Amino acid sequence: MIRKILLLNFISLLLTVSSAHAYIDPGSGSIILQALIAALAAGTVFIKIYWHKLLVLLGIRKKTEIDNKQNLDNKKDS
């Protein structure tokens, strides 16, 4: 019985509309937009850099000759 009352109260709370009396000025909106664009650009660059390494790690793609040469060069340097 108590669960039904709580559920009805929760549903009525979600369905009622009240004004928030809040304001987001254009400066805040532009900062939010800039952050979204920056996050999208950073994610794209991250995926572009590490995509082949991720596929090799998961075993979907085999190492290429370039990867083997880079590994050899790294071993010679150490």
N, C-alpha and C. Protein backbone atom coordinates (compact mmCIF):
# COMPACT_ATOMS: atom_id res chain seq x y z
N MET A 1 0.82 -1.19 0.00
CA MET A 1 0.00 0.00 0.00
C MET A 1 0.87 1.26 0.00
N ILE A 2 1.93 1.26 0.82
CA ILE A 2 2.81 2.41 0.91
C ILE A 2 3.59 2.58 -0.41
N ARG A 3 3.96 1.46 -1.02
CA ARG A 3 4.68 1.53 -2.30
C ARG A 3 3.81 2.15 -3.37
N LYS A 4 2.52 1.82 -3.38
CA LYS A 4 1.62 2.40 -4.38
C LYS A 4 1.50 3.90 -4.18
N ILE A 5 1.40 4.33 -2.94
CA ILE A 5 1.28 5.75 -2.66
C ILE A 5 2.56 6.49 -3.08
N LEU A 6 3.72 5.90 -2.75
CA LEU A 6 4.99 6.51 -3.14
C LEU A 6 5.14 6.57 -4.65
N LEU A 7 4.73 5.51 -5.33
CA LEU A 7 4.80 5.48 -6.78
C LEU A 7 3.90 6.54 -7.40
N LEU A 8 2.68 6.68 -6.89
CA LEU A 8 1.77 7.70 -7.40
C LEU A 8 2.31 9.10 -7.13
N ASN A 9 2.88 9.32 -5.96
CA ASN A 9 3.48 10.61 -5.67
C ASN A 9 4.65 10.92 -6.60
N PHE A 10 5.47 9.93 -6.85
CA PHE A 10 6.61 10.11 -7.74
C PHE A 10 6.16 10.43 -9.16
N ILE A 11 5.16 9.71 -9.64
CA ILE A 11 4.64 9.96 -10.99
C ILE A 11 4.02 11.34 -11.08
N SER A 12 3.25 11.73 -10.07
CA SER A 12 2.63 13.06 -10.10
C SER A 12 3.68 14.16 -10.03
N LEU A 13 4.78 13.92 -9.33
CA LEU A 13 5.85 14.89 -9.26
C LEU A 13 6.50 15.07 -10.63
N LEU A 14 6.68 13.98 -11.37
CA LEU A 14 7.29 14.05 -12.69
C LEU A 14 6.37 14.69 -13.72
N LEU A 15 5.07 14.53 -13.55
CA LEU A 15 4.12 15.04 -14.55
C LEU A 15 3.72 16.49 -14.32
N THR A 16 3.95 17.02 -13.15
CA THR A 16 3.59 18.41 -12.91
C THR A 16 4.66 19.32 -13.48
N VAL A 17 4.23 20.47 -13.96
CA VAL A 17 5.14 21.43 -14.57
C VAL A 17 5.18 22.67 -13.69
N SER A 18 6.37 23.09 -13.36
CA SER A 18 6.52 24.33 -12.61
C SER A 18 7.64 25.13 -13.25
N SER A 19 7.55 26.44 -13.14
CA SER A 19 8.59 27.27 -13.74
C SER A 19 9.81 27.30 -12.83
N ALA A 20 10.98 27.33 -13.45
CA ALA A 20 12.22 27.25 -12.70
C ALA A 20 12.73 28.63 -12.29
N HIS A 21 12.28 29.69 -12.97
CA HIS A 21 12.75 31.04 -12.72
C HIS A 21 14.28 31.10 -12.81
N ALA A 22 14.82 30.44 -13.83
CA ALA A 22 16.26 30.41 -14.05
C ALA A 22 16.56 31.03 -15.41
N TYR A 23 17.78 31.49 -15.55
CA TYR A 23 18.20 32.14 -16.78
C TYR A 23 19.64 31.77 -17.07
N ILE A 24 19.89 31.38 -18.31
CA ILE A 24 21.26 31.12 -18.76
C ILE A 24 21.60 32.21 -19.76
N ASP A 25 22.56 33.04 -19.43
CA ASP A 25 22.92 34.14 -20.32
C ASP A 25 23.70 33.62 -21.53
N PRO A 26 23.82 34.42 -22.58
CA PRO A 26 24.52 33.97 -23.79
C PRO A 26 25.97 33.56 -23.54
N GLY A 27 26.64 34.19 -22.59
CA GLY A 27 28.03 33.82 -22.29
C GLY A 27 28.13 32.40 -21.77
N SER A 28 27.22 32.03 -20.89
CA SER A 28 27.22 30.66 -20.37
C SER A 28 26.87 29.66 -21.45
N GLY A 29 25.93 30.03 -22.30
CA GLY A 29 25.57 29.15 -23.40
C GLY A 29 26.72 28.92 -24.36
N SER A 30 27.50 29.97 -24.63
CA SER A 30 28.63 29.82 -25.54
C SER A 30 29.74 28.98 -24.91
N ILE A 31 29.92 29.09 -23.59
CA ILE A 31 30.93 28.26 -22.92
C ILE A 31 30.52 26.79 -22.97
N ILE A 32 29.25 26.52 -22.77
CA ILE A 32 28.75 25.14 -22.85
C ILE A 32 28.95 24.59 -24.26
N LEU A 33 28.61 25.40 -25.26
CA LEU A 33 28.78 24.98 -26.66
C LEU A 33 30.25 24.74 -26.97
N GLN A 34 31.13 25.63 -26.50
CA GLN A 34 32.55 25.47 -26.73
C GLN A 34 33.08 24.20 -26.06
N ALA A 35 32.61 23.89 -24.87
CA ALA A 35 33.04 22.67 -24.17
C ALA A 35 32.59 21.43 -24.93
N LEU A 36 31.38 21.44 -25.46
CA LEU A 36 30.89 20.29 -26.23
C LEU A 36 31.71 20.10 -27.51
N ILE A 37 32.02 21.18 -28.20
CA ILE A 37 32.83 21.08 -29.42
C ILE A 37 34.23 20.59 -29.09
N ALA A 38 34.82 21.09 -28.00
CA ALA A 38 36.16 20.66 -27.61
C ALA A 38 36.18 19.19 -27.23
N ALA A 39 35.15 18.73 -26.52
CA ALA A 39 35.09 17.31 -26.15
C ALA A 39 34.96 16.44 -27.39
N LEU A 40 34.17 16.87 -28.36
CA LEU A 40 34.02 16.12 -29.60
C LEU A 40 35.34 16.06 -30.36
N ALA A 41 36.04 17.19 -30.44
CA ALA A 41 37.34 17.22 -31.14
C ALA A 41 38.36 16.35 -30.43
N ALA A 42 38.43 16.42 -29.10
CA ALA A 42 39.38 15.61 -28.35
C ALA A 42 39.08 14.12 -28.50
N GLY A 43 37.82 13.75 -28.48
CA GLY A 43 37.44 12.35 -28.67
C GLY A 43 37.81 11.86 -30.06
N THR A 44 37.60 12.70 -31.06
CA THR A 44 37.95 12.32 -32.43
C THR A 44 39.45 12.10 -32.58
N VAL A 45 40.24 13.00 -32.04
CA VAL A 45 41.70 12.86 -32.13
C VAL A 45 42.17 11.63 -31.36
N PHE A 46 41.61 11.39 -30.18
CA PHE A 46 41.98 10.22 -29.39
C PHE A 46 41.70 8.94 -30.15
N ILE A 47 40.53 8.84 -30.74
CA ILE A 47 40.17 7.64 -31.50
C ILE A 47 41.07 7.48 -32.71
N LYS A 48 41.37 8.60 -33.40
CA LYS A 48 42.22 8.52 -34.58
C LYS A 48 43.63 8.03 -34.22
N ILE A 49 44.15 8.48 -33.08
CA ILE A 49 45.50 8.09 -32.70
C ILE A 49 45.57 6.63 -32.26
N TYR A 50 44.61 6.18 -31.47
CA TYR A 50 44.72 4.87 -30.85
C TYR A 50 43.82 3.80 -31.47
N TRP A 51 43.14 4.07 -32.57
CA TRP A 51 42.22 3.11 -33.17
C TRP A 51 42.94 1.84 -33.60
N HIS A 52 44.05 1.97 -34.33
CA HIS A 52 44.76 0.78 -34.81
C HIS A 52 45.32 -0.03 -33.64
N LYS A 53 45.84 0.66 -32.63
CA LYS A 53 46.38 -0.05 -31.47
C LYS A 53 45.28 -0.81 -30.74
N LEU A 54 44.08 -0.22 -30.66
CA LEU A 54 42.95 -0.90 -30.02
C LEU A 54 42.54 -2.14 -30.80
N LEU A 55 42.52 -2.04 -32.12
CA LEU A 55 42.14 -3.20 -32.94
C LEU A 55 43.18 -4.32 -32.81
N VAL A 56 44.46 -3.94 -32.74
CA VAL A 56 45.51 -4.96 -32.56
C VAL A 56 45.37 -5.61 -31.19
N LEU A 57 45.10 -4.81 -30.17
CA LEU A 57 44.94 -5.33 -28.81
C LEU A 57 43.78 -6.31 -28.73
N LEU A 58 42.67 -6.01 -29.42
CA LEU A 58 41.51 -6.88 -29.39
C LEU A 58 41.66 -8.09 -30.32
N GLY A 59 42.69 -8.09 -31.15
CA GLY A 59 42.93 -9.22 -32.05
C GLY A 59 42.12 -9.15 -33.33
N ILE A 60 41.54 -8.01 -33.61
CA ILE A 60 40.75 -7.86 -34.82
C ILE A 60 41.67 -7.64 -36.02
N ARG A 61 42.75 -6.92 -35.81
CA ARG A 61 43.69 -6.62 -36.88
C ARG A 61 45.08 -7.05 -36.44
N LYS A 62 45.87 -7.53 -37.38
CA LYS A 62 47.23 -7.95 -37.07
C LYS A 62 48.18 -6.77 -37.17
N LYS A 63 49.35 -6.91 -36.52
CA LYS A 63 50.36 -5.87 -36.60
C LYS A 63 50.85 -5.74 -38.03
N THR A 64 51.13 -4.52 -38.44
CA THR A 64 51.64 -4.28 -39.79
C THR A 64 53.16 -4.20 -39.74
N GLU A 65 53.76 -4.08 -40.92
CA GLU A 65 55.21 -3.96 -40.99
C GLU A 65 55.68 -2.68 -40.32
N ILE A 66 54.90 -1.63 -40.42
CA ILE A 66 55.27 -0.36 -39.80
C ILE A 66 55.36 -0.52 -38.29
N ASP A 67 54.40 -1.24 -37.71
CA ASP A 67 54.43 -1.48 -36.27
C ASP A 67 55.67 -2.28 -35.88
N ASN A 68 56.00 -3.28 -36.68
CA ASN A 68 57.18 -4.10 -36.39
C ASN A 68 58.46 -3.26 -36.47
N LYS A 69 58.57 -2.37 -37.48
CA LYS A 69 59.74 -1.50 -37.61
C LYS A 69 59.83 -0.54 -36.43
N GLN A 70 58.70 0.00 -36.00
CA GLN A 70 58.71 0.90 -34.85
C GLN A 70 59.16 0.17 -33.59
N ASN A 71 58.72 -1.06 -33.42
CA ASN A 71 59.14 -1.84 -32.25
C ASN A 71 60.64 -2.11 -32.29
N LEU A 72 61.16 -2.42 -33.48
CA LEU A 72 62.59 -2.66 -33.61
C LEU A 72 63.39 -1.39 -33.33
N ASP A 73 62.91 -0.24 -33.84
CA ASP A 73 63.60 1.02 -33.59
C ASP A 73 63.59 1.36 -32.11
N ASN A 74 62.49 1.10 -31.45
CA ASN A 74 62.40 1.38 -30.02
C ASN A 74 63.35 0.50 -29.22
N LYS A 75 63.50 -0.76 -29.63
CA LYS A 75 64.42 -1.66 -28.93
C LYS A 75 65.86 -1.24 -29.15
N LYS A 76 66.19 -0.74 -30.36
CA LYS A 76 67.57 -0.30 -30.64
C LYS A 76 67.91 0.93 -29.81
N ASP A 77 66.95 1.82 -29.62
CA ASP A 77 67.19 3.05 -28.86
C ASP A 77 67.43 2.77 -27.39
N SER A 78 66.84 1.71 -26.84
CA SER A 78 66.99 1.45 -25.40
C SER A 78 68.25 0.75 -25.05
